[in-house]
Amino acid sequence: MGCFPPLLRKHRPRLGNGEFSAGLQAFQNGDYMAALKTWRPLAERGDTAAQYSIGFMYQTGKGLPQSYADAARCYRLAAEHGHLDAQRKLAALYETLPSFNRYAYVRGDPVNHNDPSGRRRER
């Protein structure tokens, strides 16, 4: 699965999190695995900054395999709770990536969202 289970969308972000800052420092130092290890539990608890940051990692391929579909899932979780940068990144994915089949993504169709041809994913 991409980012986090749908039920986590109900959680609200926590502000002023020192744990998030530790992950940010690790990310800025190039220690992507330490950043992910710090952010993943926060994101699973509904921290929108952590959800956004993991989405960025998926989008850029830093510390995680590059996946626009997984990036969109993470951005969407944060965006639904008002994270403005996540809303912008999600919109940019929809606008600038012609290979990103947002309609199939929203419907949950099994297409390879990173494949420019939009071919269906093998089951």
PDB file of N, CA and C in Angstrom:
ATOM      1  N   MET A   1       0.847  -1.178   0.000  1.00  0.00           N
ATOM      2  CA  MET A   1       0.000   0.000   0.000  1.00  0.00           C
ATOM      3  C   MET A   1       0.881   1.225   0.000  1.00  0.00           C
ATOM      4  N   GLY A   2       0.350   2.298  -0.503  1.00  0.00           N
ATOM      5  CA  GLY A   2       1.101   3.522  -0.624  1.00  0.00           C
ATOM      6  C   GLY A   2       1.464   4.177   0.674  1.00  0.00           C
ATOM      7  N   CYS A   3       0.634   5.055   1.145  1.00  0.00           N
ATOM      8  CA  CYS A   3       1.013   5.855   2.301  1.00  0.00           C
ATOM      9  C   CYS A   3       0.437   5.254   3.587  1.00  0.00           C
ATOM     10  N   PHE A   4      -0.836   5.445   3.841  1.00  0.00           N
ATOM     11  CA  PHE A   4      -1.422   4.992   5.101  1.00  0.00           C
ATOM     12  C   PHE A   4      -2.869   4.580   4.876  1.00  0.00           C
ATOM     13  N   PRO A   5      -3.405   3.751   5.744  1.00  0.00           N
ATOM     14  CA  PRO A   5      -4.788   3.303   5.590  1.00  0.00           C
ATOM     15  C   PRO A   5      -5.771   4.474   5.581  1.00  0.00           C
ATOM     16  N   PRO A   6      -6.875   4.345   4.853  1.00  0.00           N
ATOM     17  CA  PRO A   6      -7.850   5.432   4.757  1.00  0.00           C
ATOM     18  C   PRO A   6      -8.383   5.913   6.097  1.00  0.00           C
ATOM     19  N   LEU A   7      -8.473   5.058   7.090  1.00  0.00           N
ATOM     20  CA  LEU A   7      -9.042   5.496   8.360  1.00  0.00           C
ATOM     21  C   LEU A   7      -8.174   6.556   9.035  1.00  0.00           C
ATOM     22  N   LEU A   8      -6.914   6.650   8.655  1.00  0.00           N
ATOM     23  CA  LEU A   8      -6.047   7.658   9.258  1.00  0.00           C
ATOM     24  C   LEU A   8      -6.408   9.066   8.812  1.00  0.00           C
ATOM     25  N   ARG A   9      -7.188   9.192   7.781  1.00  0.00           N
ATOM     26  CA  ARG A   9      -7.613  10.509   7.317  1.00  0.00           C
ATOM     27  C   ARG A   9      -8.435  11.235   8.371  1.00  0.00           C
ATOM     28  N   LYS A  10      -8.993  10.505   9.312  1.00  0.00           N
ATOM     29  CA  LYS A  10      -9.842  11.109  10.333  1.00  0.00           C
ATOM     30  C   LYS A  10      -9.029  11.793  11.429  1.00  0.00           C
ATOM     31  N   HIS A  11      -7.743  11.464  11.519  1.00  0.00           N
ATOM     32  CA  HIS A  11      -6.920  12.026  12.587  1.00  0.00           C
ATOM     33  C   HIS A  11      -6.533  13.458  12.253  1.00  0.00           C
ATOM     34  N   ARG A  12      -6.330  14.233  13.269  1.00  0.00           N
ATOM     35  CA  ARG A  12      -5.952  15.633  13.115  1.00  0.00           C
ATOM     36  C   ARG A  12      -4.451  15.798  13.337  1.00  0.00           C
ATOM     37  N   PRO A  13      -3.850  16.815  12.725  1.00  0.00           N
ATOM     38  CA  PRO A  13      -2.418  17.040  12.900  1.00  0.00           C
ATOM     39  C   PRO A  13      -2.096  17.551  14.301  1.00  0.00           C
ATOM     40  N   ARG A  14      -0.885  17.294  14.723  1.00  0.00           N
ATOM     41  CA  ARG A  14      -0.387  17.832  15.979  1.00  0.00           C
ATOM     42  C   ARG A  14       0.633  18.905  15.646  1.00  0.00           C
ATOM     43  N   LEU A  15       0.584  20.019  16.335  1.00  0.00           N
ATOM     44  CA  LEU A  15       1.475  21.133  16.038  1.00  0.00           C
ATOM     45  C   LEU A  15       2.629  21.183  17.030  1.00  0.00           C
ATOM     46  N   GLY A  16       3.734  21.787  16.610  1.00  0.00           N
ATOM     47  CA  GLY A  16       4.873  21.971  17.493  1.00  0.00           C
ATOM     48  C   GLY A  16       5.559  20.685  17.887  1.00  0.00           C
ATOM     49  N   ASN A  17       5.739  19.776  16.950  1.00  0.00           N
ATOM     50  CA  ASN A  17       6.259  18.456  17.242  1.00  0.00           C
ATOM     51  C   ASN A  17       7.782  18.433  17.121  1.00  0.00           C
ATOM     52  N   GLY A  18       8.471  18.196  18.244  1.00  0.00           N
ATOM     53  CA  GLY A  18       9.923  18.086  18.237  1.00  0.00           C
ATOM     54  C   GLY A  18      10.405  16.866  17.487  1.00  0.00           C
ATOM     55  N   GLU A  19       9.603  15.794  17.491  1.00  0.00           N
ATOM     56  CA  GLU A  19       9.976  14.593  16.744  1.00  0.00           C
ATOM     57  C   GLU A  19      10.074  14.896  15.256  1.00  0.00           C
ATOM     58  N   PHE A  20       9.129  15.687  14.758  1.00  0.00           N
ATOM     59  CA  PHE A  20       9.169  16.033  13.342  1.00  0.00           C
ATOM     60  C   PHE A  20      10.464  16.762  13.014  1.00  0.00           C
ATOM     61  N   SER A  21      10.877  17.676  13.877  1.00  0.00           N
ATOM     62  CA  SER A  21      12.104  18.446  13.661  1.00  0.00           C
ATOM     63  C   SER A  21      13.326  17.538  13.594  1.00  0.00           C
ATOM     64  N   ALA A  22      13.345  16.492  14.406  1.00  0.00           N
ATOM     65  CA  ALA A  22      14.451  15.537  14.366  1.00  0.00           C
ATOM     66  C   ALA A  22      14.497  14.836  13.007  1.00  0.00           C
ATOM     67  N   GLY A  23      13.331  14.501  12.477  1.00  0.00           N
ATOM     68  CA  GLY A  23      13.270  13.887  11.155  1.00  0.00           C
ATOM     69  C   GLY A  23      13.715  14.852  10.069  1.00  0.00           C
ATOM     70  N   LEU A  24      13.331  16.101  10.217  1.00  0.00           N
ATOM     71  CA  LEU A  24      13.726  17.113   9.242  1.00  0.00           C
ATOM     72  C   LEU A  24      15.237  17.295   9.233  1.00  0.00           C
ATOM     73  N   GLN A  25      15.840  17.317  10.409  1.00  0.00           N
ATOM     74  CA  GLN A  25      17.299  17.443  10.500  1.00  0.00           C
ATOM     75  C   GLN A  25      17.976  16.257   9.813  1.00  0.00           C
ATOM     76  N   ALA A  26      17.469  15.061  10.060  1.00  0.00           N
ATOM     77  CA  ALA A  26      18.024  13.866   9.419  1.00  0.00           C
ATOM     78  C   ALA A  26      17.883  13.963   7.901  1.00  0.00           C
ATOM     79  N   PHE A  27      16.728  14.402   7.429  1.00  0.00           N
ATOM     80  CA  PHE A  27      16.500  14.536   5.988  1.00  0.00           C
ATOM     81  C   PHE A  27      17.483  15.540   5.389  1.00  0.00           C
ATOM     82  N   GLN A  28      17.647  16.676   6.039  1.00  0.00           N
ATOM     83  CA  GLN A  28      18.551  17.714   5.536  1.00  0.00           C
ATOM     84  C   GLN A  28      19.999  17.240   5.527  1.00  0.00           C
ATOM     85  N   ASN A  29      20.337  16.307   6.406  1.00  0.00           N
ATOM     86  CA  ASN A  29      21.686  15.734   6.435  1.00  0.00           C
ATOM     87  C   ASN A  29      21.846  14.573   5.464  1.00  0.00           C
ATOM     88  N   GLY A  30      20.791  14.245   4.719  1.00  0.00           N
ATOM     89  CA  GLY A  30      20.855  13.162   3.750  1.00  0.00           C
ATOM     90  C   GLY A  30      20.602  11.789   4.330  1.00  0.00           C
ATOM     91  N   ASP A  31      20.217  11.716   5.588  1.00  0.00           N
ATOM     92  CA  ASP A  31      19.909  10.433   6.228  1.00  0.00           C
ATOM     93  C   ASP A  31      18.410  10.169   6.064  1.00  0.00           C
ATOM     94  N   TYR A  32      18.029   9.770   4.864  1.00  0.00           N
ATOM     95  CA  TYR A  32      16.614   9.626   4.519  1.00  0.00           C
ATOM     96  C   TYR A  32      15.937   8.507   5.288  1.00  0.00           C
ATOM     97  N   MET A  33      16.674   7.446   5.577  1.00  0.00           N
ATOM     98  CA  MET A  33      16.067   6.338   6.311  1.00  0.00           C
ATOM     99  C   MET A  33      15.740   6.751   7.750  1.00  0.00           C
ATOM    100  N   ALA A  34      16.608   7.543   8.365  1.00  0.00           N
ATOM    101  CA  ALA A  34      16.324   8.019   9.724  1.00  0.00           C
ATOM    102  C   ALA A  34      15.128   8.967   9.709  1.00  0.00           C
ATOM    103  N   ALA A  35      15.053   9.798   8.677  1.00  0.00           N
ATOM    104  CA  ALA A  35      13.907  10.711   8.558  1.00  0.00           C
ATOM    105  C   ALA A  35      12.621   9.911   8.421  1.00  0.00           C
ATOM    106  N   LEU A  36      12.635   8.903   7.564  1.00  0.00           N
ATOM    107  CA  LEU A  36      11.454   8.072   7.361  1.00  0.00           C
ATOM    108  C   LEU A  36      11.076   7.334   8.647  1.00  0.00           C
ATOM    109  N   LYS A  37      12.077   6.829   9.346  1.00  0.00           N
ATOM    110  CA  LYS A  37      11.820   6.111  10.596  1.00  0.00           C
ATOM    111  C   LYS A  37      11.165   7.031  11.630  1.00  0.00           C
ATOM    112  N   THR A  38      11.524   8.299  11.612  1.00  0.00           N
ATOM    113  CA  THR A  38      10.941   9.276  12.535  1.00  0.00           C
ATOM    114  C   THR A  38       9.547   9.701  12.080  1.00  0.00           C
ATOM    115  N   TRP A  39       9.394   9.945  10.778  1.00  0.00           N
ATOM    116  CA  TRP A  39       8.140  10.507  10.263  1.00  0.00           C
ATOM    117  C   TRP A  39       7.021   9.496  10.108  1.00  0.00           C
ATOM    118  N   ARG A  40       7.338   8.256   9.779  1.00  0.00           N
ATOM    119  CA  ARG A  40       6.268   7.288   9.495  1.00  0.00           C
ATOM    120  C   ARG A  40       5.290   7.138  10.671  1.00  0.00           C
ATOM    121  N   PRO A  41       5.767   6.930  11.898  1.00  0.00           N
ATOM    122  CA  PRO A  41       4.803   6.825  13.007  1.00  0.00           C
ATOM    123  C   PRO A  41       3.999   8.113  13.209  1.00  0.00           C
ATOM    124  N   LEU A  42       4.636   9.247  12.997  1.00  0.00           N
ATOM    125  CA  LEU A  42       3.917  10.515  13.124  1.00  0.00           C
ATOM    126  C   LEU A  42       2.825  10.614  12.070  1.00  0.00           C
ATOM    127  N   ALA A  43       3.175  10.249  10.845  1.00  0.00           N
ATOM    128  CA  ALA A  43       2.204  10.308   9.754  1.00  0.00           C
ATOM    129  C   ALA A  43       1.038   9.358   9.995  1.00  0.00           C
ATOM    130  N   GLU A  44       1.341   8.198  10.532  1.00  0.00           N
ATOM    131  CA  GLU A  44       0.280   7.226  10.819  1.00  0.00           C
ATOM    132  C   GLU A  44      -0.663   7.729  11.910  1.00  0.00           C
ATOM    133  N   ARG A  45      -0.173   8.625  12.742  1.00  0.00           N
ATOM    134  CA  ARG A  45      -1.017   9.220  13.792  1.00  0.00           C
ATOM    135  C   ARG A  45      -1.687  10.506  13.320  1.00  0.00           C
ATOM    136  N   GLY A  46      -1.494  10.875  12.048  1.00  0.00           N
ATOM    137  CA  GLY A  46      -2.204  12.010  11.488  1.00  0.00           C
ATOM    138  C   GLY A  46      -1.436  13.310  11.420  1.00  0.00           C
ATOM    139  N   ASP A  47      -0.142  13.294  11.618  1.00  0.00           N
ATOM    140  CA  ASP A  47       0.670  14.508  11.534  1.00  0.00           C
ATOM    141  C   ASP A  47       0.804  14.900  10.059  1.00  0.00           C
ATOM    142  N   THR A  48       0.199  16.017   9.683  1.00  0.00           N
ATOM    143  CA  THR A  48       0.157  16.411   8.267  1.00  0.00           C
ATOM    144  C   THR A  48       1.528  16.783   7.725  1.00  0.00           C
ATOM    145  N   ALA A  49       2.396  17.359   8.554  1.00  0.00           N
ATOM    146  CA  ALA A  49       3.743  17.698   8.082  1.00  0.00           C
ATOM    147  C   ALA A  49       4.518  16.424   7.742  1.00  0.00           C
ATOM    148  N   ALA A  50       4.343  15.388   8.537  1.00  0.00           N
ATOM    149  CA  ALA A  50       5.010  14.115   8.267  1.00  0.00           C
ATOM    150  C   ALA A  50       4.417  13.458   7.011  1.00  0.00           C
ATOM    151  N   GLN A  51       3.100  13.513   6.852  1.00  0.00           N
ATOM    152  CA  GLN A  51       2.467  12.961   5.655  1.00  0.00           C
ATOM    153  C   GLN A  51       2.987  13.671   4.404  1.00  0.00           C
ATOM    154  N   TYR A  52       3.045  14.984   4.474  1.00  0.00           N
ATOM    155  CA  TYR A  52       3.555  15.774   3.350  1.00  0.00           C
ATOM    156  C   TYR A  52       5.000  15.391   3.042  1.00  0.00           C
ATOM    157  N   SER A  53       5.823  15.289   4.079  1.00  0.00           N
ATOM    158  CA  SER A  53       7.243  15.011   3.886  1.00  0.00           C
ATOM    159  C   SER A  53       7.479  13.636   3.281  1.00  0.00           C
ATOM    160  N   ILE A  54       6.696  12.661   3.703  1.00  0.00           N
ATOM    161  CA  ILE A  54       6.823  11.323   3.107  1.00  0.00           C
ATOM    162  C   ILE A  54       6.354  11.360   1.656  1.00  0.00           C
ATOM    163  N   GLY A  55       5.316  12.131   1.376  1.00  0.00           N
ATOM    164  CA  GLY A  55       4.898  12.314  -0.011  1.00  0.00           C
ATOM    165  C   GLY A  55       6.022  12.895  -0.860  1.00  0.00           C
ATOM    166  N   PHE A  56       6.734  13.869  -0.306  1.00  0.00           N
ATOM    167  CA  PHE A  56       7.865  14.470  -1.009  1.00  0.00           C
ATOM    168  C   PHE A  56       8.951  13.433  -1.266  1.00  0.00           C
ATOM    169  N   MET A  57       9.178  12.562  -0.287  1.00  0.00           N
ATOM    170  CA  MET A  57      10.176  11.513  -0.467  1.00  0.00           C
ATOM    171  C   MET A  57       9.779  10.571  -1.606  1.00  0.00           C
ATOM    172  N   TYR A  58       8.495  10.220  -1.670  1.00  0.00           N
ATOM    173  CA  TYR A  58       8.026   9.378  -2.783  1.00  0.00           C
ATOM    174  C   TYR A  58       8.145  10.119  -4.105  1.00  0.00           C
ATOM    175  N   GLN A  59       7.783  11.383  -4.129  1.00  0.00           N
ATOM    176  CA  GLN A  59       7.804  12.132  -5.379  1.00  0.00           C
ATOM    177  C   GLN A  59       9.225  12.272  -5.920  1.00  0.00           C
ATOM    178  N   THR A  60      10.174  12.528  -5.047  1.00  0.00           N
ATOM    179  CA  THR A  60      11.546  12.773  -5.478  1.00  0.00           C
ATOM    180  C   THR A  60      12.413  11.525  -5.503  1.00  0.00           C
ATOM    181  N   GLY A  61      11.943  10.444  -4.882  1.00  0.00           N
ATOM    182  CA  GLY A  61      12.744   9.230  -4.832  1.00  0.00           C
ATOM    183  C   GLY A  61      13.870   9.291  -3.823  1.00  0.00           C
ATOM    184  N   LYS A  62      13.786  10.200  -2.871  1.00  0.00           N
ATOM    185  CA  LYS A  62      14.815  10.309  -1.835  1.00  0.00           C
ATOM    186  C   LYS A  62      14.424   9.425  -0.655  1.00  0.00           C
ATOM    187  N   GLY A  63      15.119   8.294  -0.520  1.00  0.00           N
ATOM    188  CA  GLY A  63      14.869   7.383   0.583  1.00  0.00           C
ATOM    189  C   GLY A  63      13.771   6.376   0.335  1.00  0.00           C
ATOM    190  N   LEU A  64      12.980   6.580  -0.707  1.00  0.00           N
ATOM    191  CA  LEU A  64      11.901   5.662  -1.086  1.00  0.00           C
ATOM    192  C   LEU A  64      11.897   5.529  -2.608  1.00  0.00           C
ATOM    193  N   PRO A  65      11.387   4.416  -3.126  1.00  0.00           N
ATOM    194  CA  PRO A  65      11.277   4.314  -4.581  1.00  0.00           C
ATOM    195  C   PRO A  65      10.350   5.414  -5.109  1.00  0.00           C
ATOM    196  N   GLN A  66      10.751   6.065  -6.189  1.00  0.00           N
ATOM    197  CA  GLN A  66       9.920   7.136  -6.725  1.00  0.00           C
ATOM    198  C   GLN A  66       8.577   6.574  -7.182  1.00  0.00           C
ATOM    199  N   SER A  67       7.511   7.190  -6.693  1.00  0.00           N
ATOM    200  CA  SER A  67       6.158   6.763  -7.035  1.00  0.00           C
ATOM    201  C   SER A  67       5.219   7.954  -6.919  1.00  0.00           C
ATOM    202  N   TYR A  68       4.725   8.404  -8.049  1.00  0.00           N
ATOM    203  CA  TYR A  68       3.808   9.540  -8.036  1.00  0.00           C
ATOM    204  C   TYR A  68       2.469   9.168  -7.403  1.00  0.00           C
ATOM    205  N   ALA A  69       2.047   7.935  -7.577  1.00  0.00           N
ATOM    206  CA  ALA A  69       0.784   7.501  -6.976  1.00  0.00           C
ATOM    207  C   ALA A  69       0.890   7.506  -5.448  1.00  0.00           C
ATOM    208  N   ASP A  70       1.998   6.995  -4.917  1.00  0.00           N
ATOM    209  CA  ASP A  70       2.174   6.999  -3.461  1.00  0.00           C
ATOM    210  C   ASP A  70       2.362   8.420  -2.937  1.00  0.00           C
ATOM    211  N   ALA A  71       3.067   9.253  -3.708  1.00  0.00           N
ATOM    212  CA  ALA A  71       3.220  10.658  -3.319  1.00  0.00           C
ATOM    213  C   ALA A  71       1.847  11.322  -3.247  1.00  0.00           C
ATOM    214  N   ALA A  72       1.014  11.066  -4.243  1.00  0.00           N
ATOM    215  CA  ALA A  72      -0.324  11.662  -4.261  1.00  0.00           C
ATOM    216  C   ALA A  72      -1.155  11.199  -3.074  1.00  0.00           C
ATOM    217  N   ARG A  73      -1.038   9.926  -2.710  1.00  0.00           N
ATOM    218  CA  ARG A  73      -1.794   9.427  -1.553  1.00  0.00           C
ATOM    219  C   ARG A  73      -1.383  10.157  -0.279  1.00  0.00           C
ATOM    220  N   CYS A  74      -0.087  10.321  -0.092  1.00  0.00           N
ATOM    221  CA  CYS A  74       0.398  11.012   1.106  1.00  0.00           C
ATOM    222  C   CYS A  74       0.007  12.482   1.092  1.00  0.00           C
ATOM    223  N   TYR A  75       0.185  13.131  -0.051  1.00  0.00           N
ATOM    224  CA  TYR A  75      -0.198  14.540  -0.163  1.00  0.00           C
ATOM    225  C   TYR A  75      -1.689  14.712   0.102  1.00  0.00           C
ATOM    226  N   ARG A  76      -2.475  13.781  -0.419  1.00  0.00           N
ATOM    227  CA  ARG A  76      -3.923  13.891  -0.232  1.00  0.00           C
ATOM    228  C   ARG A  76      -4.307  13.812   1.249  1.00  0.00           C
ATOM    229  N   LEU A  77      -3.667  12.909   1.995  1.00  0.00           N
ATOM    230  CA  LEU A  77      -3.959  12.809   3.428  1.00  0.00           C
ATOM    231  C   LEU A  77      -3.713  14.143   4.122  1.00  0.00           C
ATOM    232  N   ALA A  78      -2.585  14.761   3.830  1.00  0.00           N
ATOM    233  CA  ALA A  78      -2.257  16.048   4.450  1.00  0.00           C
ATOM    234  C   ALA A  78      -3.154  17.160   3.913  1.00  0.00           C
ATOM    235  N   ALA A  79      -3.414  17.137   2.621  1.00  0.00           N
ATOM    236  CA  ALA A  79      -4.226  18.181   1.990  1.00  0.00           C
ATOM    237  C   ALA A  79      -5.648  18.199   2.537  1.00  0.00           C
ATOM    238  N   GLU A  80      -6.194  17.022   2.823  1.00  0.00           N
ATOM    239  CA  GLU A  80      -7.563  16.951   3.334  1.00  0.00           C
ATOM    240  C   GLU A  80      -7.713  17.605   4.705  1.00  0.00           C
ATOM    241  N   HIS A  81      -6.589  17.814   5.387  1.00  0.00           N
ATOM    242  CA  HIS A  81      -6.629  18.476   6.692  1.00  0.00           C
ATOM    243  C   HIS A  81      -6.027  19.871   6.634  1.00  0.00           C
ATOM    244  N   GLY A  82      -5.988  20.438   5.418  1.00  0.00           N
ATOM    245  CA  GLY A  82      -5.633  21.839   5.270  1.00  0.00           C
ATOM    246  C   GLY A  82      -4.162  22.158   5.087  1.00  0.00           C
ATOM    247  N   HIS A  83      -3.309  21.169   4.861  1.00  0.00           N
ATOM    248  CA  HIS A  83      -1.890  21.443   4.638  1.00  0.00           C
ATOM    249  C   HIS A  83      -1.744  22.076   3.246  1.00  0.00           C
ATOM    250  N   LEU A  84      -1.450  23.370   3.209  1.00  0.00           N
ATOM    251  CA  LEU A  84      -1.445  24.109   1.939  1.00  0.00           C
ATOM    252  C   LEU A  84      -0.387  23.617   0.963  1.00  0.00           C
ATOM    253  N   ASP A  85       0.809  23.332   1.439  1.00  0.00           N
ATOM    254  CA  ASP A  85       1.839  22.843   0.525  1.00  0.00           C
ATOM    255  C   ASP A  85       1.449  21.493  -0.068  1.00  0.00           C
ATOM    256  N   ALA A  86       0.804  20.649   0.717  1.00  0.00           N
ATOM    257  CA  ALA A  86       0.344  19.358   0.202  1.00  0.00           C
ATOM    258  C   ALA A  86      -0.723  19.572  -0.864  1.00  0.00           C
ATOM    259  N   GLN A  87      -1.612  20.541  -0.653  1.00  0.00           N
ATOM    260  CA  GLN A  87      -2.625  20.849  -1.660  1.00  0.00           C
ATOM    261  C   GLN A  87      -1.967  21.310  -2.955  1.00  0.00           C
ATOM    262  N   ARG A  88      -0.942  22.143  -2.832  1.00  0.00           N
ATOM    263  CA  ARG A  88      -0.231  22.634  -4.022  1.00  0.00           C
ATOM    264  C   ARG A  88       0.499  21.510  -4.742  1.00  0.00           C
ATOM    265  N   LYS A  89       1.179  20.651  -3.984  1.00  0.00           N
ATOM    266  CA  LYS A  89       1.916  19.538  -4.602  1.00  0.00           C
ATOM    267  C   LYS A  89       0.961  18.573  -5.304  1.00  0.00           C
ATOM    268  N   LEU A  90      -0.172  18.300  -4.680  1.00  0.00           N
ATOM    269  CA  LEU A  90      -1.152  17.400  -5.281  1.00  0.00           C
ATOM    270  C   LEU A  90      -1.689  17.999  -6.574  1.00  0.00           C
ATOM    271  N   ALA A  91      -2.008  19.284  -6.552  1.00  0.00           N
ATOM    272  CA  ALA A  91      -2.488  19.960  -7.764  1.00  0.00           C
ATOM    273  C   ALA A  91      -1.417  19.943  -8.851  1.00  0.00           C
ATOM    274  N   ALA A  92      -0.168  20.153  -8.459  1.00  0.00           N
ATOM    275  CA  ALA A  92       0.922  20.145  -9.436  1.00  0.00           C
ATOM    276  C   ALA A  92       1.084  18.763 -10.065  1.00  0.00           C
ATOM    277  N   LEU A  93       0.920  17.712  -9.274  1.00  0.00           N
ATOM    278  CA  LEU A  93       0.988  16.364  -9.846  1.00  0.00           C
ATOM    279  C   LEU A  93      -0.104  16.187 -10.895  1.00  0.00           C
ATOM    280  N   TYR A  94      -1.301  16.642 -10.568  1.00  0.00           N
ATOM    281  CA  TYR A  94      -2.414  16.500 -11.503  1.00  0.00           C
ATOM    282  C   TYR A  94      -2.185  17.318 -12.773  1.00  0.00           C
ATOM    283  N   GLU A  95      -1.589  18.479 -12.643  1.00  0.00           N
ATOM    284  CA  GLU A  95      -1.431  19.382 -13.785  1.00  0.00           C
ATOM    285  C   GLU A  95      -0.235  19.063 -14.662  1.00  0.00           C
ATOM    286  N   THR A  96       0.881  18.677 -14.058  1.00  0.00           N
ATOM    287  CA  THR A  96       2.118  18.592 -14.819  1.00  0.00           C
ATOM    288  C   THR A  96       2.522  17.198 -15.250  1.00  0.00           C
ATOM    289  N   LEU A  97       1.848  16.183 -14.754  1.00  0.00           N
ATOM    290  CA  LEU A  97       2.225  14.823 -15.115  1.00  0.00           C
ATOM    291  C   LEU A  97       1.154  14.191 -15.982  1.00  0.00           C
ATOM    292  N   PRO A  98       1.299  14.321 -17.289  1.00  0.00           N
ATOM    293  CA  PRO A  98       0.277  13.732 -18.157  1.00  0.00           C
ATOM    294  C   PRO A  98       0.171  12.222 -17.999  1.00  0.00           C
ATOM    295  N   SER A  99       1.241  11.587 -17.545  1.00  0.00           N
ATOM    296  CA  SER A  99       1.188  10.138 -17.369  1.00  0.00           C
ATOM    297  C   SER A  99       0.463   9.746 -16.090  1.00  0.00           C
ATOM    298  N   PHE A 100       0.228  10.702 -15.210  1.00  0.00           N
ATOM    299  CA  PHE A 100      -0.442  10.382 -13.949  1.00  0.00           C
ATOM    300  C   PHE A 100      -1.944  10.358 -14.203  1.00  0.00           C
ATOM    301  N   ASN A 101      -2.512   9.188 -14.169  1.00  0.00           N
ATOM    302  CA  ASN A 101      -3.926   9.008 -14.472  1.00  0.00           C
ATOM    303  C   ASN A 101      -4.734   9.264 -13.202  1.00  0.00           C
ATOM    304  N   ARG A 102      -5.028  10.548 -12.940  1.00  0.00           N
ATOM    305  CA  ARG A 102      -5.712  10.901 -11.692  1.00  0.00           C
ATOM    306  C   ARG A 102      -7.115  10.337 -11.611  1.00  0.00           C
ATOM    307  N   TYR A 103      -7.772  10.171 -12.729  1.00  0.00           N
ATOM    308  CA  TYR A 103      -9.138   9.642 -12.693  1.00  0.00           C
ATOM    309  C   TYR A 103      -9.131   8.185 -12.256  1.00  0.00           C
ATOM    310  N   ALA A 104      -8.206   7.418 -12.780  1.00  0.00           N
ATOM    311  CA  ALA A 104      -8.097   6.023 -12.358  1.00  0.00           C
ATOM    312  C   ALA A 104      -7.645   5.945 -10.907  1.00  0.00           C
ATOM    313  N   TYR A 105      -6.762   6.849 -10.512  1.00  0.00           N
ATOM    314  CA  TYR A 105      -6.305   6.861  -9.119  1.00  0.00           C
ATOM    315  C   TYR A 105      -7.473   7.112  -8.171  1.00  0.00           C
ATOM    316  N   VAL A 106      -8.295   8.087  -8.480  1.00  0.00           N
ATOM    317  CA  VAL A 106      -9.427   8.428  -7.620  1.00  0.00           C
ATOM    318  C   VAL A 106     -10.415   7.264  -7.552  1.00  0.00           C
ATOM    319  N   ARG A 107     -10.643   6.601  -8.693  1.00  0.00           N
ATOM    320  CA  ARG A 107     -11.561   5.461  -8.716  1.00  0.00           C
ATOM    321  C   ARG A 107     -10.946   4.216  -8.097  1.00  0.00           C
ATOM    322  N   GLY A 108      -9.611   4.190  -7.978  1.00  0.00           N
ATOM    323  CA  GLY A 108      -8.940   3.016  -7.435  1.00  0.00           C
ATOM    324  C   GLY A 108      -8.690   1.942  -8.471  1.00  0.00           C
ATOM    325  N   ASP A 109      -8.740   2.302  -9.757  1.00  0.00           N
ATOM    326  CA  ASP A 109      -8.477   1.328 -10.814  1.00  0.00           C
ATOM    327  C   ASP A 109      -7.021   0.869 -10.765  1.00  0.00           C
ATOM    328  N   PRO A 110      -6.772  -0.385 -11.085  1.00  0.00           N
ATOM    329  CA  PRO A 110      -5.410  -0.919 -11.020  1.00  0.00           C
ATOM    330  C   PRO A 110      -4.579  -0.576 -12.246  1.00  0.00           C
ATOM    331  N   VAL A 111      -4.310   0.698 -12.458  1.00  0.00           N
ATOM    332  CA  VAL A 111      -3.410   1.092 -13.542  1.00  0.00           C
ATOM    333  C   VAL A 111      -2.079   1.462 -12.935  1.00  0.00           C
ATOM    334  N   ASN A 112      -1.046   1.379 -13.752  1.00  0.00           N
ATOM    335  CA  ASN A 112       0.279   1.786 -13.304  1.00  0.00           C
ATOM    336  C   ASN A 112       0.359   3.290 -13.475  1.00  0.00           C
ATOM    337  N   HIS A 113       0.216   4.038 -12.397  1.00  0.00           N
ATOM    338  CA  HIS A 113       0.139   5.498 -12.455  1.00  0.00           C
ATOM    339  C   HIS A 113       1.457   6.143 -12.845  1.00  0.00           C
ATOM    340  N   ASN A 114       2.559   5.402 -12.814  1.00  0.00           N
ATOM    341  CA  ASN A 114       3.843   5.962 -13.198  1.00  0.00           C
ATOM    342  C   ASN A 114       4.219   5.586 -14.628  1.00  0.00           C
ATOM    343  N   ASP A 115       3.376   4.845 -15.298  1.00  0.00           N
ATOM    344  CA  ASP A 115       3.633   4.406 -16.664  1.00  0.00           C
ATOM    345  C   ASP A 115       2.985   5.397 -17.623  1.00  0.00           C
ATOM    346  N   PRO A 116       3.785   6.042 -18.507  1.00  0.00           N
ATOM    347  CA  PRO A 116       3.231   7.040 -19.423  1.00  0.00           C
ATOM    348  C   PRO A 116       2.112   6.517 -20.314  1.00  0.00           C
ATOM    349  N   SER A 117       2.081   5.216 -20.588  1.00  0.00           N
ATOM    350  CA  SER A 117       1.030   4.681 -21.440  1.00  0.00           C
ATOM    351  C   SER A 117      -0.280   4.502 -20.693  1.00  0.00           C
ATOM    352  N   GLY A 118      -0.235   4.524 -19.346  1.00  0.00           N
ATOM    353  CA  GLY A 118      -1.439   4.326 -18.553  1.00  0.00           C
ATOM    354  C   GLY A 118      -1.946   2.896 -18.585  1.00  0.00           C
ATOM    355  N   ARG A 119      -1.057   1.938 -18.938  1.00  0.00           N
ATOM    356  CA  ARG A 119      -1.470   0.530 -19.017  1.00  0.00           C
ATOM    357  C   ARG A 119      -1.952   0.022 -17.674  1.00  0.00           C
ATOM    358  N   ARG A 120      -2.851  -0.932 -17.734  1.00  0.00           N
ATOM    359  CA  ARG A 120      -3.355  -1.551 -16.509  1.00  0.00           C
ATOM    360  C   ARG A 120      -2.230  -2.357 -15.869  1.00  0.00           C
ATOM    361  N   ARG A 121      -2.208  -2.347 -14.558  1.00  0.00           N
ATOM    362  CA  ARG A 121      -1.213  -3.068 -13.785  1.00  0.00           C
ATOM    363  C   ARG A 121      -1.553  -4.553 -13.802  1.00  0.00           C
ATOM    364  N   GLU A 122      -0.527  -5.390 -13.927  1.00  0.00           N
ATOM    365  CA  GLU A 122      -0.749  -6.836 -13.874  1.00  0.00           C
ATOM    366  C   GLU A 122      -1.146  -7.237 -12.462  1.00  0.00           C
ATOM    367  N   ARG A 123      -2.114  -8.125 -12.344  1.00  0.00           N
ATOM    368  CA  ARG A 123      -2.568  -8.581 -11.019  1.00  0.00           C
ATOM    369  C   ARG A 123      -1.874  -9.835 -10.630  1.00  0.00           C
TER     370      ARG A 123
END
